[in-house]
PDB file of N, CA and C in Angstrom:
ATOM      1  N   MET A   1       0.842  -1.178   0.000  1.00  0.00           N
ATOM      2  CA  MET A   1       0.000   0.000   0.000  1.00  0.00           C
ATOM      3  C   MET A   1       0.891   1.246   0.000  1.00  0.00           C
ATOM      4  N   SER A   2       0.543   2.213  -0.760  1.00  0.00           N
ATOM      5  CA  SER A   2       1.333   3.424  -0.914  1.00  0.00           C
ATOM      6  C   SER A   2       0.872   4.499   0.058  1.00  0.00           C
ATOM      7  N   ASP A   3       1.747   5.454   0.341  1.00  0.00           N
ATOM      8  CA  ASP A   3       1.349   6.580   1.186  1.00  0.00           C
ATOM      9  C   ASP A   3       1.064   7.826   0.347  1.00  0.00           C
ATOM     10  N   ALA A   4       0.854   7.636  -0.953  1.00  0.00           N
ATOM     11  CA  ALA A   4       0.563   8.763  -1.837  1.00  0.00           C
ATOM     12  C   ALA A   4      -0.723   9.450  -1.405  1.00  0.00           C
ATOM     13  N   LYS A   5      -0.745  10.761  -1.519  1.00  0.00           N
ATOM     14  CA  LYS A   5      -1.888  11.555  -1.082  1.00  0.00           C
ATOM     15  C   LYS A   5      -2.514  12.274  -2.264  1.00  0.00           C
ATOM     16  N   THR A   6      -3.818  12.458  -2.147  1.00  0.00           N
ATOM     17  CA  THR A   6      -4.546  13.250  -3.128  1.00  0.00           C
ATOM     18  C   THR A   6      -5.290  14.359  -2.399  1.00  0.00           C
ATOM     19  N   THR A   7      -5.488  15.480  -3.081  1.00  0.00           N
ATOM     20  CA  THR A   7      -6.289  16.562  -2.523  1.00  0.00           C
ATOM     21  C   THR A   7      -7.321  16.984  -3.555  1.00  0.00           C
ATOM     22  N   GLN A   8      -8.521  17.257  -3.052  1.00  0.00           N
ATOM     23  CA  GLN A   8      -9.643  17.639  -3.897  1.00  0.00           C
ATOM     24  C   GLN A   8     -10.415  18.752  -3.198  1.00  0.00           C
ATOM     25  N   PRO A   9     -11.210  19.516  -3.951  1.00  0.00           N
ATOM     26  CA  PRO A   9     -12.068  20.516  -3.316  1.00  0.00           C
ATOM     27  C   PRO A   9     -13.081  19.832  -2.398  1.00  0.00           C
ATOM     28  N   ASN A  10     -13.486  20.529  -1.331  1.00  0.00           N
ATOM     29  CA  ASN A  10     -14.487  19.976  -0.416  1.00  0.00           C
ATOM     30  C   ASN A  10     -15.864  19.918  -1.048  1.00  0.00           C
ATOM     31  N   ALA A  11     -16.172  20.850  -1.942  1.00  0.00           N
ATOM     32  CA  ALA A  11     -17.503  20.887  -2.560  1.00  0.00           C
ATOM     33  C   ALA A  11     -17.415  21.578  -3.912  1.00  0.00           C
ATOM     34  N   MET A  12     -18.342  21.211  -4.777  1.00  0.00           N
ATOM     35  CA  MET A  12     -18.468  21.847  -6.091  1.00  0.00           C
ATOM     36  C   MET A  12     -19.952  22.001  -6.378  1.00  0.00           C
ATOM     37  N   GLU A  13     -20.280  23.050  -7.093  1.00  0.00           N
ATOM     38  CA  GLU A  13     -21.656  23.258  -7.534  1.00  0.00           C
ATOM     39  C   GLU A  13     -21.674  23.275  -9.053  1.00  0.00           C
ATOM     40  N   SER A  14     -22.820  22.886  -9.615  1.00  0.00           N
ATOM     41  CA  SER A  14     -22.942  22.891 -11.063  1.00  0.00           C
ATOM     42  C   SER A  14     -24.395  23.096 -11.453  1.00  0.00           C
ATOM     43  N   THR A  15     -24.596  23.296 -12.744  1.00  0.00           N
ATOM     44  CA  THR A  15     -25.928  23.466 -13.311  1.00  0.00           C
ATOM     45  C   THR A  15     -26.272  22.209 -14.087  1.00  0.00           C
ATOM     46  N   GLU A  16     -27.519  21.740 -13.953  1.00  0.00           N
ATOM     47  CA  GLU A  16     -27.924  20.540 -14.683  1.00  0.00           C
ATOM     48  C   GLU A  16     -27.706  20.701 -16.181  1.00  0.00           C
ATOM     49  N   GLU A  17     -27.330  19.587 -16.810  1.00  0.00           N
ATOM     50  CA  GLU A  17     -27.084  19.498 -18.251  1.00  0.00           C
ATOM     51  C   GLU A  17     -25.823  20.229 -18.696  1.00  0.00           C
ATOM     52  N   GLU A  18     -25.026  20.723 -17.771  1.00  0.00           N
ATOM     53  CA  GLU A  18     -23.754  21.374 -18.083  1.00  0.00           C
ATOM     54  C   GLU A  18     -22.611  20.449 -17.675  1.00  0.00           C
ATOM     55  N   PRO A  19     -21.437  20.608 -18.291  1.00  0.00           N
ATOM     56  CA  PRO A  19     -20.292  19.801 -17.858  1.00  0.00           C
ATOM     57  C   PRO A  19     -19.750  20.293 -16.519  1.00  0.00           C
ATOM     58  N   VAL A  20     -19.189  19.375 -15.754  1.00  0.00           N
ATOM     59  CA  VAL A  20     -18.521  19.738 -14.516  1.00  0.00           C
ATOM     60  C   VAL A  20     -17.119  19.131 -14.540  1.00  0.00           C
ATOM     61  N   HIS A  21     -16.157  19.912 -14.047  1.00  0.00           N
ATOM     62  CA  HIS A  21     -14.751  19.503 -14.018  1.00  0.00           C
ATOM     63  C   HIS A  21     -14.350  19.351 -12.554  1.00  0.00           C
ATOM     64  N   LEU A  22     -13.961  18.139 -12.160  1.00  0.00           N
ATOM     65  CA  LEU A  22     -13.575  17.848 -10.783  1.00  0.00           C
ATOM     66  C   LEU A  22     -12.059  17.652 -10.732  1.00  0.00           C
ATOM     67  N   PRO A  23     -11.329  18.579 -10.107  1.00  0.00           N
ATOM     68  CA  PRO A  23      -9.869  18.472 -10.080  1.00  0.00           C
ATOM     69  C   PRO A  23      -9.373  17.596  -8.931  1.00  0.00           C
ATOM     70  N   CYS A  24      -8.210  17.023  -9.135  1.00  0.00           N
ATOM     71  CA  CYS A  24      -7.530  16.249  -8.097  1.00  0.00           C
ATOM     72  C   CYS A  24      -6.034  16.484  -8.229  1.00  0.00           C
ATOM     73  N   ASN A  25      -5.392  16.853  -7.129  1.00  0.00           N
ATOM     74  CA  ASN A  25      -3.942  17.006  -7.104  1.00  0.00           C
ATOM     75  C   ASN A  25      -3.328  15.785  -6.444  1.00  0.00           C
ATOM     76  N   HIS A  26      -2.270  15.264  -7.046  1.00  0.00           N
ATOM     77  CA  HIS A  26      -1.571  14.099  -6.493  1.00  0.00           C
ATOM     78  C   HIS A  26      -0.087  14.267  -6.786  1.00  0.00           C
ATOM     79  N   SER A  27       0.518  15.227  -6.100  1.00  0.00           N
ATOM     80  CA  SER A  27       1.906  15.609  -6.393  1.00  0.00           C
ATOM     81  C   SER A  27       2.916  14.550  -5.984  1.00  0.00           C
ATOM     82  N   THR A  28       2.521  13.592  -5.138  1.00  0.00           N
ATOM     83  CA  THR A  28       3.467  12.556  -4.704  1.00  0.00           C
ATOM     84  C   THR A  28       3.287  11.253  -5.463  1.00  0.00           C
ATOM     85  N   ILE A  29       2.596  11.290  -6.608  1.00  0.00           N
ATOM     86  CA  ILE A  29       2.330  10.075  -7.377  1.00  0.00           C
ATOM     87  C   ILE A  29       3.636   9.426  -7.832  1.00  0.00           C
ATOM     88  N   SER A  30       3.664   8.100  -7.795  1.00  0.00           N
ATOM     89  CA  SER A  30       4.844   7.390  -8.285  1.00  0.00           C
ATOM     90  C   SER A  30       4.570   6.887  -9.703  1.00  0.00           C
ATOM     91  N   GLY A  31       5.613   6.430 -10.361  1.00  0.00           N
ATOM     92  CA  GLY A  31       5.522   6.112 -11.777  1.00  0.00           C
ATOM     93  C   GLY A  31       4.543   5.023 -12.149  1.00  0.00           C
ATOM     94  N   ASN A  32       4.296   4.066 -11.242  1.00  0.00           N
ATOM     95  CA  ASN A  32       3.430   2.943 -11.598  1.00  0.00           C
ATOM     96  C   ASN A  32       2.038   3.038 -10.961  1.00  0.00           C
ATOM     97  N   GLU A  33       1.692   4.156 -10.352  1.00  0.00           N
ATOM     98  CA  GLU A  33       0.382   4.291  -9.716  1.00  0.00           C
ATOM     99  C   GLU A  33      -0.655   4.792 -10.721  1.00  0.00           C
ATOM    100  N   TYR A  34      -1.789   4.133 -10.724  1.00  0.00           N
ATOM    101  CA  TYR A  34      -2.918   4.546 -11.548  1.00  0.00           C
ATOM    102  C   TYR A  34      -3.786   5.519 -10.779  1.00  0.00           C
ATOM    103  N   ILE A  35      -4.473   6.391 -11.507  1.00  0.00           N
ATOM    104  CA  ILE A  35      -5.410   7.357 -10.930  1.00  0.00           C
ATOM    105  C   ILE A  35      -6.813   6.778 -11.117  1.00  0.00           C
ATOM    106  N   TYR A  36      -7.494   6.537 -10.024  1.00  0.00           N
ATOM    107  CA  TYR A  36      -8.848   5.982 -10.049  1.00  0.00           C
ATOM    108  C   TYR A  36      -9.831   7.016  -9.527  1.00  0.00           C
ATOM    109  N   TRP A  37     -11.004   7.044 -10.124  1.00  0.00           N
ATOM    110  CA  TRP A  37     -12.100   7.887  -9.641  1.00  0.00           C
ATOM    111  C   TRP A  37     -13.288   7.000  -9.293  1.00  0.00           C
ATOM    112  N   TYR A  38     -13.868   7.280  -8.124  1.00  0.00           N
ATOM    113  CA  TYR A  38     -15.065   6.607  -7.646  1.00  0.00           C
ATOM    114  C   TYR A  38     -16.104   7.656  -7.292  1.00  0.00           C
ATOM    115  N   ARG A  39     -17.370   7.248  -7.348  1.00  0.00           N
ATOM    116  CA  ARG A  39     -18.468   8.114  -6.950  1.00  0.00           C
ATOM    117  C   ARG A  39     -19.274   7.388  -5.884  1.00  0.00           C
ATOM    118  N   GLN A  40     -19.661   8.132  -4.846  1.00  0.00           N
ATOM    119  CA  GLN A  40     -20.521   7.551  -3.823  1.00  0.00           C
ATOM    120  C   GLN A  40     -21.800   8.371  -3.718  1.00  0.00           C
ATOM    121  N   ILE A  41     -22.905   7.752  -4.117  1.00  0.00           N
ATOM    122  CA  ILE A  41     -24.223   8.358  -4.024  1.00  0.00           C
ATOM    123  C   ILE A  41     -24.699   8.176  -2.581  1.00  0.00           C
ATOM    124  N   PRO A  42     -25.429   9.143  -2.012  1.00  0.00           N
ATOM    125  CA  PRO A  42     -25.895   8.988  -0.620  1.00  0.00           C
ATOM    126  C   PRO A  42     -26.593   7.641  -0.395  1.00  0.00           C
ATOM    127  N   ASN A  43     -26.256   7.017   0.710  1.00  0.00           N
ATOM    128  CA  ASN A  43     -26.833   5.738   1.143  1.00  0.00           C
ATOM    129  C   ASN A  43     -26.445   4.558   0.255  1.00  0.00           C
ATOM    130  N   GLN A  44     -25.366   4.692  -0.507  1.00  0.00           N
ATOM    131  CA  GLN A  44     -24.864   3.600  -1.339  1.00  0.00           C
ATOM    132  C   GLN A  44     -23.353   3.470  -1.156  1.00  0.00           C
ATOM    133  N   GLY A  45     -22.810   2.357  -1.593  1.00  0.00           N
ATOM    134  CA  GLY A  45     -21.367   2.155  -1.552  1.00  0.00           C
ATOM    135  C   GLY A  45     -20.687   2.865  -2.705  1.00  0.00           C
ATOM    136  N   PRO A  46     -19.361   3.014  -2.648  1.00  0.00           N
ATOM    137  CA  PRO A  46     -18.631   3.655  -3.744  1.00  0.00           C
ATOM    138  C   PRO A  46     -18.784   2.872  -5.047  1.00  0.00           C
ATOM    139  N   GLU A  47     -18.834   3.599  -6.153  1.00  0.00           N
ATOM    140  CA  GLU A  47     -18.990   3.024  -7.494  1.00  0.00           C
ATOM    141  C   GLU A  47     -17.808   3.466  -8.347  1.00  0.00           C
ATOM    142  N   TYR A  48     -17.129   2.506  -8.974  1.00  0.00           N
ATOM    143  CA  TYR A  48     -16.015   2.807  -9.868  1.00  0.00           C
ATOM    144  C   TYR A  48     -16.508   3.646 -11.046  1.00  0.00           C
ATOM    145  N   MET A  49     -15.724   4.680 -11.402  1.00  0.00           N
ATOM    146  CA  MET A  49     -16.071   5.518 -12.551  1.00  0.00           C
ATOM    147  C   MET A  49     -15.109   5.307 -13.721  1.00  0.00           C
ATOM    148  N   ILE A  50     -13.795   5.547 -13.471  1.00  0.00           N
ATOM    149  CA  ILE A  50     -12.816   5.545 -14.564  1.00  0.00           C
ATOM    150  C   ILE A  50     -11.422   5.518 -13.945  1.00  0.00           C
ATOM    151  N   HIS A  51     -10.440   5.078 -14.705  1.00  0.00           N
ATOM    152  CA  HIS A  51      -9.058   5.154 -14.227  1.00  0.00           C
ATOM    153  C   HIS A  51      -8.110   5.325 -15.408  1.00  0.00           C
ATOM    154  N   GLY A  52      -6.898   5.781 -15.090  1.00  0.00           N
ATOM    155  CA  GLY A  52      -5.887   5.955 -16.115  1.00  0.00           C
ATOM    156  C   GLY A  52      -4.505   6.039 -15.504  1.00  0.00           C
ATOM    157  N   LEU A  53      -3.499   5.886 -16.347  1.00  0.00           N
ATOM    158  CA  LEU A  53      -2.112   5.963 -15.906  1.00  0.00           C
ATOM    159  C   LEU A  53      -1.497   7.303 -16.294  1.00  0.00           C
ATOM    160  N   LYS A  54      -1.405   7.562 -17.609  1.00  0.00           N
ATOM    161  CA  LYS A  54      -0.836   8.839 -18.038  1.00  0.00           C
ATOM    162  C   LYS A  54      -1.564   9.436 -19.231  1.00  0.00           C
ATOM    163  N   ASP A  55      -2.332   8.627 -19.934  1.00  0.00           N
ATOM    164  CA  ASP A  55      -3.063   9.126 -21.093  1.00  0.00           C
ATOM    165  C   ASP A  55      -4.487   9.497 -20.697  1.00  0.00           C
ATOM    166  N   ASN A  56      -5.076  10.418 -21.441  1.00  0.00           N
ATOM    167  CA  ASN A  56      -6.464  10.776 -21.211  1.00  0.00           C
ATOM    168  C   ASN A  56      -7.351   9.586 -21.579  1.00  0.00           C
ATOM    169  N   VAL A  57      -8.439   9.419 -20.814  1.00  0.00           N
ATOM    170  CA  VAL A  57      -9.339   8.284 -20.993  1.00  0.00           C
ATOM    171  C   VAL A  57     -10.768   8.814 -21.067  1.00  0.00           C
ATOM    172  N   THR A  58     -11.551   8.269 -22.012  1.00  0.00           N
ATOM    173  CA  THR A  58     -12.958   8.641 -22.128  1.00  0.00           C
ATOM    174  C   THR A  58     -13.788   7.374 -22.200  1.00  0.00           C
ATOM    175  N   ASP A  59     -14.899   7.377 -21.453  1.00  0.00           N
ATOM    176  CA  ASP A  59     -15.887   6.319 -21.635  1.00  0.00           C
ATOM    177  C   ASP A  59     -17.245   7.003 -21.770  1.00  0.00           C
ATOM    178  N   GLY A  60     -18.314   6.264 -21.723  1.00  0.00           N
ATOM    179  CA  GLY A  60     -19.616   6.847 -21.980  1.00  0.00           C
ATOM    180  C   GLY A  60     -20.089   7.866 -20.961  1.00  0.00           C
ATOM    181  N   LYS A  61     -19.567   7.816 -19.741  1.00  0.00           N
ATOM    182  CA  LYS A  61     -20.092   8.683 -18.690  1.00  0.00           C
ATOM    183  C   LYS A  61     -19.114   9.728 -18.174  1.00  0.00           C
ATOM    184  N   ALA A  62     -17.836   9.614 -18.507  1.00  0.00           N
ATOM    185  CA  ALA A  62     -16.850  10.542 -17.954  1.00  0.00           C
ATOM    186  C   ALA A  62     -15.591  10.557 -18.805  1.00  0.00           C
ATOM    187  N   THR A  63     -14.789  11.609 -18.609  1.00  0.00           N
ATOM    188  CA  THR A  63     -13.471  11.733 -19.222  1.00  0.00           C
ATOM    189  C   THR A  63     -12.467  12.024 -18.117  1.00  0.00           C
ATOM    190  N   LEU A  64     -11.338  11.351 -18.156  1.00  0.00           N
ATOM    191  CA  LEU A  64     -10.243  11.603 -17.229  1.00  0.00           C
ATOM    192  C   LEU A  64      -9.122  12.275 -17.994  1.00  0.00           C
ATOM    193  N   ILE A  65      -8.771  13.487 -17.581  1.00  0.00           N
ATOM    194  CA  ILE A  65      -7.667  14.232 -18.174  1.00  0.00           C
ATOM    195  C   ILE A  65      -6.496  14.167 -17.194  1.00  0.00           C
ATOM    196  N   VAL A  66      -5.380  13.618 -17.639  1.00  0.00           N
ATOM    197  CA  VAL A  66      -4.187  13.505 -16.798  1.00  0.00           C
ATOM    198  C   VAL A  66      -3.181  14.546 -17.258  1.00  0.00           C
ATOM    199  N   ALA A  67      -2.763  15.413 -16.341  1.00  0.00           N
ATOM    200  CA  ALA A  67      -1.822  16.484 -16.672  1.00  0.00           C
ATOM    201  C   ALA A  67      -0.450  15.910 -17.000  1.00  0.00           C
ATOM    202  N   VAL A  68       0.307  16.635 -17.819  1.00  0.00           N
ATOM    203  CA  VAL A  68       1.690  16.274 -18.104  1.00  0.00           C
ATOM    204  C   VAL A  68       2.436  16.232 -16.769  1.00  0.00           C
ATOM    205  N   GLY A  69       3.206  15.189 -16.546  1.00  0.00           N
ATOM    206  CA  GLY A  69       3.895  15.023 -15.276  1.00  0.00           C
ATOM    207  C   GLY A  69       3.058  14.273 -14.254  1.00  0.00           C
ATOM    208  N   ARG A  70       1.757  14.083 -14.530  1.00  0.00           N
ATOM    209  CA  ARG A  70       0.854  13.279 -13.704  1.00  0.00           C
ATOM    210  C   ARG A  70       0.669  13.805 -12.282  1.00  0.00           C
ATOM    211  N   LYS A  71       0.955  15.069 -12.038  1.00  0.00           N
ATOM    212  CA  LYS A  71       0.810  15.627 -10.686  1.00  0.00           C
ATOM    213  C   LYS A  71      -0.623  16.043 -10.384  1.00  0.00           C
ATOM    214  N   SER A  72      -1.474  16.062 -11.408  1.00  0.00           N
ATOM    215  CA  SER A  72      -2.880  16.389 -11.204  1.00  0.00           C
ATOM    216  C   SER A  72      -3.704  15.737 -12.311  1.00  0.00           C
ATOM    217  N   SER A  73      -5.002  15.658 -12.049  1.00  0.00           N
ATOM    218  CA  SER A  73      -5.921  15.123 -13.043  1.00  0.00           C
ATOM    219  C   SER A  73      -7.272  15.800 -12.855  1.00  0.00           C
ATOM    220  N   THR A  74      -8.115  15.660 -13.873  1.00  0.00           N
ATOM    221  CA  THR A  74      -9.452  16.240 -13.833  1.00  0.00           C
ATOM    222  C   THR A  74     -10.444  15.218 -14.360  1.00  0.00           C
ATOM    223  N   LEU A  75     -11.501  14.998 -13.582  1.00  0.00           N
ATOM    224  CA  LEU A  75     -12.610  14.172 -14.035  1.00  0.00           C
ATOM    225  C   LEU A  75     -13.650  15.105 -14.624  1.00  0.00           C
ATOM    226  N   ILE A  76     -14.040  14.847 -15.873  1.00  0.00           N
ATOM    227  CA  ILE A  76     -15.050  15.679 -16.533  1.00  0.00           C
ATOM    228  C   ILE A  76     -16.310  14.845 -16.724  1.00  0.00           C
ATOM    229  N   LEU A  77     -17.404  15.355 -16.171  1.00  0.00           N
ATOM    230  CA  LEU A  77     -18.720  14.760 -16.392  1.00  0.00           C
ATOM    231  C   LEU A  77     -19.412  15.635 -17.416  1.00  0.00           C
ATOM    232  N   PRO A  78     -19.752  15.110 -18.598  1.00  0.00           N
ATOM    233  CA  PRO A  78     -20.181  15.967 -19.710  1.00  0.00           C
ATOM    234  C   PRO A  78     -21.518  16.677 -19.512  1.00  0.00           C
ATOM    235  N   ARG A  79     -22.494  16.009 -18.905  1.00  0.00           N
ATOM    236  CA  ARG A  79     -23.821  16.623 -18.719  1.00  0.00           C
ATOM    237  C   ARG A  79     -24.391  16.111 -17.404  1.00  0.00           C
ATOM    238  N   VAL A  80     -24.172  16.853 -16.337  1.00  0.00           N
ATOM    239  CA  VAL A  80     -24.595  16.377 -15.026  1.00  0.00           C
ATOM    240  C   VAL A  80     -26.100  16.541 -14.837  1.00  0.00           C
ATOM    241  N   THR A  81     -26.641  15.649 -14.020  1.00  0.00           N
ATOM    242  CA  THR A  81     -28.036  15.732 -13.603  1.00  0.00           C
ATOM    243  C   THR A  81     -28.072  15.629 -12.082  1.00  0.00           C
ATOM    244  N   LEU A  82     -29.226  15.793 -11.512  1.00  0.00           N
ATOM    245  CA  LEU A  82     -29.369  15.686 -10.066  1.00  0.00           C
ATOM    246  C   LEU A  82     -28.917  14.305  -9.581  1.00  0.00           C
ATOM    247  N   GLY A  83     -29.091  13.287 -10.427  1.00  0.00           N
ATOM    248  CA  GLY A  83     -28.667  11.933 -10.073  1.00  0.00           C
ATOM    249  C   GLY A  83     -27.163  11.766  -9.946  1.00  0.00           C
ATOM    250  N   ASP A  84     -26.390  12.754 -10.418  1.00  0.00           N
ATOM    251  CA  ASP A  84     -24.931  12.699 -10.291  1.00  0.00           C
ATOM    252  C   ASP A  84     -24.431  13.259  -8.962  1.00  0.00           C
ATOM    253  N   ALA A  85     -25.337  13.807  -8.163  1.00  0.00           N
ATOM    254  CA  ALA A  85     -24.929  14.377  -6.873  1.00  0.00           C
ATOM    255  C   ALA A  85     -24.366  13.273  -5.986  1.00  0.00           C
ATOM    256  N   GLY A  86     -23.225  13.533  -5.386  1.00  0.00           N
ATOM    257  CA  GLY A  86     -22.593  12.556  -4.520  1.00  0.00           C
ATOM    258  C   GLY A  86     -21.194  13.004  -4.172  1.00  0.00           C
ATOM    259  N   VAL A  87     -20.440  12.103  -3.572  1.00  0.00           N
ATOM    260  CA  VAL A  87     -19.044  12.365  -3.224  1.00  0.00           C
ATOM    261  C   VAL A  87     -18.180  11.647  -4.253  1.00  0.00           C
ATOM    262  N   TYR A  88     -17.245  12.374  -4.837  1.00  0.00           N
ATOM    263  CA  TYR A  88     -16.340  11.824  -5.850  1.00  0.00           C
ATOM    264  C   TYR A  88     -14.948  11.706  -5.244  1.00  0.00           C
ATOM    265  N   TYR A  89     -14.374  10.518  -5.345  1.00  0.00           N
ATOM    266  CA  TYR A  89     -13.064  10.238  -4.762  1.00  0.00           C
ATOM    267  C   TYR A  89     -12.037   9.986  -5.851  1.00  0.00           C
ATOM    268  N   CYS A  90     -10.903  10.632  -5.718  1.00  0.00           N
ATOM    269  CA  CYS A  90      -9.738  10.388  -6.557  1.00  0.00           C
ATOM    270  C   CYS A  90      -8.735   9.645  -5.683  1.00  0.00           C
ATOM    271  N   ILE A  91      -8.311   8.465  -6.117  1.00  0.00           N
ATOM    272  CA  ILE A  91      -7.341   7.710  -5.330  1.00  0.00           C
ATOM    273  C   ILE A  91      -6.230   7.196  -6.258  1.00  0.00           C
ATOM    274  N   LEU A  92      -5.103   6.877  -5.666  1.00  0.00           N
ATOM    275  CA  LEU A  92      -3.963   6.319  -6.399  1.00  0.00           C
ATOM    276  C   LEU A  92      -3.748   4.894  -5.959  1.00  0.00           C
ATOM    277  N   ARG A  93      -3.538   4.011  -6.942  1.00  0.00           N
ATOM    278  CA  ARG A  93      -3.256   2.602  -6.628  1.00  0.00           C
ATOM    279  C   ARG A  93      -2.206   2.075  -7.586  1.00  0.00           C
TER     280      ARG A  93
END
């Protein structure tokens, strides 16, 4: 298990049907650690969203943008709805 740390904003607000960009800083990332994003809807367990190593990744529900040097990343949700409200976690593994 690694001692790498991530930092994220405590809260974000958005408008329905608009994109939202969720930043994550991970300045202590090591070369072989992947960046994972999870979402936790109230009263449910965490749900895997997307992950990547160094290249940008897109799937049907989200895009992960990994900065050059991998010290930060951004999860982009293209069109949020009220159902997207929850806690989003960025972790390194």
